[in-house]
Amino acid sequence: MRGIAQRFGLPDGCRLGYDDYGPPDGVPLILLHGTPSSRCGWYVFGSTDLAARPGRCIVDWPADAAALADHLGIERFAVLG
């Protein structure tokens, strides 16, 4: 499914949110916005509780990106972050 505010379940039980933009036949790019991103992000989402992911750490992102690519049926993609 294409569009904004998409979500799916990761193998560890967490949910990953993503937006899907661009032409379906374009070159896939996974954009990682960075950590801790903007101070304003917490106000947009309403709570720092959303950042609490017990048992997870920053080095978990490659597996999350791979899970997203699998979910979307993407074999090869670029990463920008």
PDB file of N, CA and C in Angstrom:
ATOM      1  N   MET A   1       0.850  -1.179   0.000  1.00  0.00           N
ATOM      2  CA  MET A   1       0.000   0.000   0.000  1.00  0.00           C
ATOM      3  C   MET A   1       0.892   1.236   0.000  1.00  0.00           C
ATOM      4  N   ARG A   2       0.612   2.179  -0.848  1.00  0.00           N
ATOM      5  CA  ARG A   2       1.399   3.407  -0.945  1.00  0.00           C
ATOM      6  C   ARG A   2       0.695   4.531  -0.191  1.00  0.00           C
ATOM      7  N   GLY A   3       1.470   5.494   0.283  1.00  0.00           N
ATOM      8  CA  GLY A   3       0.891   6.656   0.932  1.00  0.00           C
ATOM      9  C   GLY A   3       1.618   7.011   2.210  1.00  0.00           C
ATOM     10  N   ILE A   4       1.068   7.975   2.928  1.00  0.00           N
ATOM     11  CA  ILE A   4       1.691   8.419   4.169  1.00  0.00           C
ATOM     12  C   ILE A   4       1.072   7.696   5.354  1.00  0.00           C
ATOM     13  N   ALA A   5       1.803   7.738   6.455  1.00  0.00           N
ATOM     14  CA  ALA A   5       1.349   7.178   7.735  1.00  0.00           C
ATOM     15  C   ALA A   5       1.016   5.690   7.637  1.00  0.00           C
ATOM     16  N   GLN A   6       1.874   4.939   6.964  1.00  0.00           N
ATOM     17  CA  GLN A   6       1.723   3.489   6.893  1.00  0.00           C
ATOM     18  C   GLN A   6       2.416   2.862   8.103  1.00  0.00           C
ATOM     19  N   ARG A   7       2.003   1.669   8.502  1.00  0.00           N
ATOM     20  CA  ARG A   7       2.638   0.962   9.620  1.00  0.00           C
ATOM     21  C   ARG A   7       2.617  -0.531   9.359  1.00  0.00           C
ATOM     22  N   PHE A   8       3.620  -1.216   9.942  1.00  0.00           N
ATOM     23  CA  PHE A   8       3.611  -2.671   9.909  1.00  0.00           C
ATOM     24  C   PHE A   8       4.377  -3.188  11.113  1.00  0.00           C
ATOM     25  N   GLY A   9       4.169  -4.458  11.447  1.00  0.00           N
ATOM     26  CA  GLY A   9       4.795  -5.061  12.615  1.00  0.00           C
ATOM     27  C   GLY A   9       6.163  -5.634  12.293  1.00  0.00           C
ATOM     28  N   LEU A  10       7.159  -5.303  13.119  1.00  0.00           N
ATOM     29  CA  LEU A  10       8.500  -5.866  12.999  1.00  0.00           C
ATOM     30  C   LEU A  10       8.539  -7.248  13.645  1.00  0.00           C
ATOM     31  N   PRO A  11       9.531  -8.051  13.296  1.00  0.00           N
ATOM     32  CA  PRO A  11       9.633  -9.389  13.885  1.00  0.00           C
ATOM     33  C   PRO A  11       9.707  -9.392  15.415  1.00  0.00           C
ATOM     34  N   ASP A  12      10.245  -8.296  16.008  1.00  0.00           N
ATOM     35  CA  ASP A  12      10.365  -8.253  17.471  1.00  0.00           C
ATOM     36  C   ASP A  12       9.090  -7.772  18.159  1.00  0.00           C
ATOM     37  N   GLY A  13       8.030  -7.532  17.381  1.00  0.00           N
ATOM     38  CA  GLY A  13       6.766  -7.108  17.963  1.00  0.00           C
ATOM     39  C   GLY A  13       6.536  -5.603  17.941  1.00  0.00           C
ATOM     40  N   CYS A  14       7.573  -4.813  17.683  1.00  0.00           N
ATOM     41  CA  CYS A  14       7.400  -3.365  17.579  1.00  0.00           C
ATOM     42  C   CYS A  14       6.690  -3.039  16.262  1.00  0.00           C
ATOM     43  N   ARG A  15       6.153  -1.841  16.183  1.00  0.00           N
ATOM     44  CA  ARG A  15       5.523  -1.384  14.942  1.00  0.00           C
ATOM     45  C   ARG A  15       6.384  -0.290  14.344  1.00  0.00           C
ATOM     46  N   LEU A  16       6.553  -0.339  13.027  1.00  0.00           N
ATOM     47  CA  LEU A  16       7.370   0.641  12.317  1.00  0.00           C
ATOM     48  C   LEU A  16       6.467   1.476  11.424  1.00  0.00           C
ATOM     49  N   GLY A  17       6.574   2.789  11.563  1.00  0.00           N
ATOM     50  CA  GLY A  17       5.800   3.694  10.719  1.00  0.00           C
ATOM     51  C   GLY A  17       6.659   4.189   9.570  1.00  0.00           C
ATOM     52  N   TYR A  18       6.036   4.366   8.405  1.00  0.00           N
ATOM     53  CA  TYR A  18       6.767   4.857   7.240  1.00  0.00           C
ATOM     54  C   TYR A  18       5.814   5.568   6.291  1.00  0.00           C
ATOM     55  N   ASP A  19       6.393   6.401   5.423  1.00  0.00           N
ATOM     56  CA  ASP A  19       5.654   7.042   4.343  1.00  0.00           C
ATOM     57  C   ASP A  19       6.208   6.498   3.038  1.00  0.00           C
ATOM     58  N   ASP A  20       5.372   6.375   2.038  1.00  0.00           N
ATOM     59  CA  ASP A  20       5.762   5.829   0.741  1.00  0.00           C
ATOM     60  C   ASP A  20       5.431   6.861  -0.324  1.00  0.00           C
ATOM     61  N   TYR A  21       6.476   7.464  -0.917  1.00  0.00           N
ATOM     62  CA  TYR A  21       6.309   8.513  -1.914  1.00  0.00           C
ATOM     63  C   TYR A  21       6.962   8.105  -3.225  1.00  0.00           C
ATOM     64  N   GLY A  22       6.618   8.804  -4.290  1.00  0.00           N
ATOM     65  CA  GLY A  22       7.290   8.654  -5.569  1.00  0.00           C
ATOM     66  C   GLY A  22       6.645   7.654  -6.495  1.00  0.00           C
ATOM     67  N   PRO A  23       7.197   7.577  -7.710  1.00  0.00           N
ATOM     68  CA  PRO A  23       6.624   6.674  -8.699  1.00  0.00           C
ATOM     69  C   PRO A  23       6.892   5.213  -8.351  1.00  0.00           C
ATOM     70  N   PRO A  24       5.944   4.329  -8.585  1.00  0.00           N
ATOM     71  CA  PRO A  24       6.121   2.917  -8.253  1.00  0.00           C
ATOM     72  C   PRO A  24       7.324   2.271  -8.957  1.00  0.00           C
ATOM     73  N   ASP A  25       7.710   2.801 -10.118  1.00  0.00           N
ATOM     74  CA  ASP A  25       8.846   2.230 -10.834  1.00  0.00           C
ATOM     75  C   ASP A  25      10.146   2.990 -10.583  1.00  0.00           C
ATOM     76  N   GLY A  26      10.154   3.867  -9.576  1.00  0.00           N
ATOM     77  CA  GLY A  26      11.347   4.638  -9.243  1.00  0.00           C
ATOM     78  C   GLY A  26      12.373   3.808  -8.484  1.00  0.00           C
ATOM     79  N   VAL A  27      13.541   4.412  -8.217  1.00  0.00           N
ATOM     80  CA  VAL A  27      14.593   3.753  -7.448  1.00  0.00           C
ATOM     81  C   VAL A  27      14.243   3.837  -5.966  1.00  0.00           C
ATOM     82  N   PRO A  28      14.120   2.714  -5.268  1.00  0.00           N
ATOM     83  CA  PRO A  28      13.764   2.735  -3.845  1.00  0.00           C
ATOM     84  C   PRO A  28      14.858   3.393  -2.990  1.00  0.00           C
ATOM     85  N   LEU A  29      14.442   4.247  -2.080  1.00  0.00           N
ATOM     86  CA  LEU A  29      15.340   4.941  -1.159  1.00  0.00           C
ATOM     87  C   LEU A  29      14.703   4.909   0.218  1.00  0.00           C
ATOM     88  N   ILE A  30      15.441   4.410   1.201  1.00  0.00           N
ATOM     89  CA  ILE A  30      14.987   4.467   2.587  1.00  0.00           C
ATOM     90  C   ILE A  30      15.713   5.628   3.241  1.00  0.00           C
ATOM     91  N   LEU A  31      14.963   6.631   3.665  1.00  0.00           N
ATOM     92  CA  LEU A  31      15.499   7.821   4.307  1.00  0.00           C
ATOM     93  C   LEU A  31      15.372   7.654   5.813  1.00  0.00           C
ATOM     94  N   LEU A  32      16.503   7.705   6.497  1.00  0.00           N
ATOM     95  CA  LEU A  32      16.529   7.612   7.960  1.00  0.00           C
ATOM     96  C   LEU A  32      16.697   9.029   8.491  1.00  0.00           C
ATOM     97  N   HIS A  33      15.679   9.540   9.158  1.00  0.00           N
ATOM     98  CA  HIS A  33      15.670  10.940   9.571  1.00  0.00           C
ATOM     99  C   HIS A  33      16.678  11.265  10.653  1.00  0.00           C
ATOM    100  N   GLY A  34      17.228  10.289  11.317  1.00  0.00           N
ATOM    101  CA  GLY A  34      18.256  10.545  12.326  1.00  0.00           C
ATOM    102  C   GLY A  34      17.738  10.500  13.742  1.00  0.00           C
ATOM    103  N   THR A  35      18.661  10.383  14.646  1.00  0.00           N
ATOM    104  CA  THR A  35      18.355  10.336  16.066  1.00  0.00           C
ATOM    105  C   THR A  35      19.215  11.378  16.759  1.00  0.00           C
ATOM    106  N   PRO A  36      18.695  12.191  17.593  1.00  0.00           N
ATOM    107  CA  PRO A  36      17.329  12.177  18.095  1.00  0.00           C
ATOM    108  C   PRO A  36      16.370  13.000  17.259  1.00  0.00           C
ATOM    109  N   SER A  37      16.729  13.328  16.043  1.00  0.00           N
ATOM    110  CA  SER A  37      15.878  14.102  15.150  1.00  0.00           C
ATOM    111  C   SER A  37      15.708  15.507  15.713  1.00  0.00           C
ATOM    112  N   SER A  38      14.549  16.061  15.589  1.00  0.00           N
ATOM    113  CA  SER A  38      14.302  17.423  16.035  1.00  0.00           C
ATOM    114  C   SER A  38      13.657  17.433  17.416  1.00  0.00           C
ATOM    115  N   ARG A  39      13.976  18.437  18.188  1.00  0.00           N
ATOM    116  CA  ARG A  39      13.333  18.573  19.497  1.00  0.00           C
ATOM    117  C   ARG A  39      11.836  18.732  19.352  1.00  0.00           C
ATOM    118  N   CYS A  40      11.395  19.245  18.199  1.00  0.00           N
ATOM    119  CA  CYS A  40       9.962  19.471  17.971  1.00  0.00           C
ATOM    120  C   CYS A  40       9.202  18.181  17.721  1.00  0.00           C
ATOM    121  N   GLY A  41       9.884  17.133  17.334  1.00  0.00           N
ATOM    122  CA  GLY A  41       9.214  15.877  17.041  1.00  0.00           C
ATOM    123  C   GLY A  41       8.395  15.351  18.199  1.00  0.00           C
ATOM    124  N   TRP A  42       8.910  15.508  19.407  1.00  0.00           N
ATOM    125  CA  TRP A  42       8.180  15.003  20.574  1.00  0.00           C
ATOM    126  C   TRP A  42       6.873  15.726  20.762  1.00  0.00           C
ATOM    127  N   TYR A  43       6.842  17.020  20.414  1.00  0.00           N
ATOM    128  CA  TYR A  43       5.602  17.776  20.555  1.00  0.00           C
ATOM    129  C   TYR A  43       4.591  17.358  19.496  1.00  0.00           C
ATOM    130  N   VAL A  44       5.077  17.023  18.321  1.00  0.00           N
ATOM    131  CA  VAL A  44       4.188  16.587  17.245  1.00  0.00           C
ATOM    132  C   VAL A  44       3.512  15.281  17.628  1.00  0.00           C
ATOM    133  N   PHE A  45       4.294  14.346  18.189  1.00  0.00           N
ATOM    134  CA  PHE A  45       3.749  13.039  18.511  1.00  0.00           C
ATOM    135  C   PHE A  45       3.099  13.002  19.882  1.00  0.00           C
ATOM    136  N   GLY A  46       3.348  14.001  20.707  1.00  0.00           N
ATOM    137  CA  GLY A  46       2.617  14.136  21.945  1.00  0.00           C
ATOM    138  C   GLY A  46       3.217  13.517  23.183  1.00  0.00           C
ATOM    139  N   SER A  47       4.267  12.700  23.048  1.00  0.00           N
ATOM    140  CA  SER A  47       4.775  12.045  24.251  1.00  0.00           C
ATOM    141  C   SER A  47       6.153  11.443  24.021  1.00  0.00           C
ATOM    142  N   THR A  48       7.023  11.582  25.019  1.00  0.00           N
ATOM    143  CA  THR A  48       8.317  10.910  24.942  1.00  0.00           C
ATOM    144  C   THR A  48       8.175   9.425  25.196  1.00  0.00           C
ATOM    145  N   ASP A  49       6.997   8.974  25.645  1.00  0.00           N
ATOM    146  CA  ASP A  49       6.767   7.547  25.853  1.00  0.00           C
ATOM    147  C   ASP A  49       6.922   6.764  24.554  1.00  0.00           C
ATOM    148  N   LEU A  50       6.687   7.426  23.415  1.00  0.00           N
ATOM    149  CA  LEU A  50       6.822   6.744  22.132  1.00  0.00           C
ATOM    150  C   LEU A  50       8.269   6.361  21.837  1.00  0.00           C
ATOM    151  N   ALA A  51       9.219   7.041  22.471  1.00  0.00           N
ATOM    152  CA  ALA A  51      10.631   6.740  22.234  1.00  0.00           C
ATOM    153  C   ALA A  51      11.126   5.586  23.108  1.00  0.00           C
ATOM    154  N   ALA A  52      10.370   5.196  24.078  1.00  0.00           N
ATOM    155  CA  ALA A  52      10.777   4.113  24.980  1.00  0.00           C
ATOM    156  C   ALA A  52      10.559   2.772  24.291  1.00  0.00           C
ATOM    157  N   ARG A  53      11.668   2.134  23.899  1.00  0.00           N
ATOM    158  CA  ARG A  53      11.576   0.833  23.235  1.00  0.00           C
ATOM    159  C   ARG A  53      12.474  -0.113  24.002  1.00  0.00           C
ATOM    160  N   PRO A  54      11.972  -0.661  25.107  1.00  0.00           N
ATOM    161  CA  PRO A  54      12.797  -1.530  25.945  1.00  0.00           C
ATOM    162  C   PRO A  54      13.420  -2.667  25.138  1.00  0.00           C
ATOM    163  N   GLY A  55      14.700  -2.913  25.413  1.00  0.00           N
ATOM    164  CA  GLY A  55      15.401  -3.999  24.746  1.00  0.00           C
ATOM    165  C   GLY A  55      15.892  -3.652  23.356  1.00  0.00           C
ATOM    166  N   ARG A  56      15.748  -2.393  22.931  1.00  0.00           N
ATOM    167  CA  ARG A  56      16.199  -1.989  21.601  1.00  0.00           C
ATOM    168  C   ARG A  56      17.284  -0.940  21.725  1.00  0.00           C
ATOM    169  N   CYS A  57      18.133  -0.842  20.688  1.00  0.00           N
ATOM    170  CA  CYS A  57      19.176   0.179  20.684  1.00  0.00           C
ATOM    171  C   CYS A  57      19.399   0.669  19.255  1.00  0.00           C
ATOM    172  N   ILE A  58      20.249   1.658  19.113  1.00  0.00           N
ATOM    173  CA  ILE A  58      20.445   2.323  17.830  1.00  0.00           C
ATOM    174  C   ILE A  58      20.929   1.367  16.745  1.00  0.00           C
ATOM    175  N   VAL A  59      21.645   0.328  17.095  1.00  0.00           N
ATOM    176  CA  VAL A  59      22.157  -0.599  16.073  1.00  0.00           C
ATOM    177  C   VAL A  59      21.077  -1.554  15.558  1.00  0.00           C
ATOM    178  N   ASP A  60      19.847  -1.412  16.022  1.00  0.00           N
ATOM    179  CA  ASP A  60      18.749  -2.235  15.524  1.00  0.00           C
ATOM    180  C   ASP A  60      18.199  -1.741  14.186  1.00  0.00           C
ATOM    181  N   TRP A  61      18.569  -0.527  13.761  1.00  0.00           N
ATOM    182  CA  TRP A  61      17.950   0.040  12.567  1.00  0.00           C
ATOM    183  C   TRP A  61      18.224  -0.740  11.288  1.00  0.00           C
ATOM    184  N   PRO A  62      19.413  -1.358  11.073  1.00  0.00           N
ATOM    185  CA  PRO A  62      19.587  -2.107   9.819  1.00  0.00           C
ATOM    186  C   PRO A  62      18.573  -3.244   9.666  1.00  0.00           C
ATOM    187  N   ALA A  63      18.293  -3.946  10.739  1.00  0.00           N
ATOM    188  CA  ALA A  63      17.302  -5.026  10.672  1.00  0.00           C
ATOM    189  C   ALA A  63      15.911  -4.453  10.420  1.00  0.00           C
ATOM    190  N   ASP A  64      15.612  -3.293  10.991  1.00  0.00           N
ATOM    191  CA  ASP A  64      14.314  -2.652  10.755  1.00  0.00           C
ATOM    192  C   ASP A  64      14.181  -2.240   9.292  1.00  0.00           C
ATOM    193  N   ALA A  65      15.250  -1.669   8.723  1.00  0.00           N
ATOM    194  CA  ALA A  65      15.231  -1.265   7.317  1.00  0.00           C
ATOM    195  C   ALA A  65      15.061  -2.482   6.412  1.00  0.00           C
ATOM    196  N   ALA A  66      15.742  -3.567   6.731  1.00  0.00           N
ATOM    197  CA  ALA A  66      15.617  -4.798   5.946  1.00  0.00           C
ATOM    198  C   ALA A  66      14.200  -5.364   6.042  1.00  0.00           C
ATOM    199  N   ALA A  67      13.615  -5.304   7.231  1.00  0.00           N
ATOM    200  CA  ALA A  67      12.244  -5.789   7.411  1.00  0.00           C
ATOM    201  C   ALA A  67      11.263  -4.940   6.602  1.00  0.00           C
ATOM    202  N   LEU A  68      11.490  -3.622   6.565  1.00  0.00           N
ATOM    203  CA  LEU A  68      10.641  -2.739   5.771  1.00  0.00           C
ATOM    204  C   LEU A  68      10.772  -3.083   4.288  1.00  0.00           C
ATOM    205  N   ALA A  69      11.996  -3.270   3.812  1.00  0.00           N
ATOM    206  CA  ALA A  69      12.203  -3.630   2.405  1.00  0.00           C
ATOM    207  C   ALA A  69      11.504  -4.953   2.073  1.00  0.00           C
ATOM    208  N   ASP A  70      11.619  -5.930   2.952  1.00  0.00           N
ATOM    209  CA  ASP A  70      10.932  -7.211   2.738  1.00  0.00           C
ATOM    210  C   ASP A  70       9.419  -7.010   2.679  1.00  0.00           C
ATOM    211  N   HIS A  71       8.905  -6.208   3.606  1.00  0.00           N
ATOM    212  CA  HIS A  71       7.469  -5.928   3.666  1.00  0.00           C
ATOM    213  C   HIS A  71       6.973  -5.294   2.364  1.00  0.00           C
ATOM    214  N   LEU A  72       7.794  -4.416   1.780  1.00  0.00           N
ATOM    215  CA  LEU A  72       7.420  -3.712   0.565  1.00  0.00           C
ATOM    216  C   LEU A  72       7.792  -4.476  -0.704  1.00  0.00           C
ATOM    217  N   GLY A  73       8.482  -5.612  -0.542  1.00  0.00           N
ATOM    218  CA  GLY A  73       8.884  -6.399  -1.707  1.00  0.00           C
ATOM    219  C   GLY A  73      10.025  -5.777  -2.482  1.00  0.00           C
ATOM    220  N   ILE A  74      10.907  -5.066  -1.787  1.00  0.00           N
ATOM    221  CA  ILE A  74      12.044  -4.396  -2.415  1.00  0.00           C
ATOM    222  C   ILE A  74      13.294  -5.233  -2.222  1.00  0.00           C
ATOM    223  N   GLU A  75      13.946  -5.608  -3.325  1.00  0.00           N
ATOM    224  CA  GLU A  75      15.169  -6.415  -3.223  1.00  0.00           C
ATOM    225  C   GLU A  75      16.408  -5.546  -3.012  1.00  0.00           C
ATOM    226  N   ARG A  76      16.483  -4.414  -3.702  1.00  0.00           N
ATOM    227  CA  ARG A  76      17.642  -3.511  -3.598  1.00  0.00           C
ATOM    228  C   ARG A  76      17.138  -2.103  -3.356  1.00  0.00           C
ATOM    229  N   PHE A  77      17.866  -1.365  -2.494  1.00  0.00           N
ATOM    230  CA  PHE A  77      17.464   0.007  -2.198  1.00  0.00           C
ATOM    231  C   PHE A  77      18.679   0.797  -1.746  1.00  0.00           C
ATOM    232  N   ALA A  78      18.581   2.110  -1.878  1.00  0.00           N
ATOM    233  CA  ALA A  78      19.603   3.016  -1.361  1.00  0.00           C
ATOM    234  C   ALA A  78      19.165   3.480   0.016  1.00  0.00           C
ATOM    235  N   VAL A  79      20.140   3.938   0.811  1.00  0.00           N
ATOM    236  CA  VAL A  79      19.858   4.446   2.148  1.00  0.00           C
ATOM    237  C   VAL A  79      20.429   5.858   2.246  1.00  0.00           C
ATOM    238  N   LEU A  80      19.645   6.770   2.770  1.00  0.00           N
ATOM    239  CA  LEU A  80      20.081   8.153   3.005  1.00  0.00           C
ATOM    240  C   LEU A  80      19.770   8.455   4.458  1.00  0.00           C
ATOM    241  N   GLY A  81      20.774   8.918   5.172  1.00  0.00           N
ATOM    242  CA  GLY A  81      20.533   9.224   6.577  1.00  0.00           C
ATOM    243  C   GLY A  81      21.643  10.006   7.189  1.00  0.00           C
TER     244      GLY A  81
END
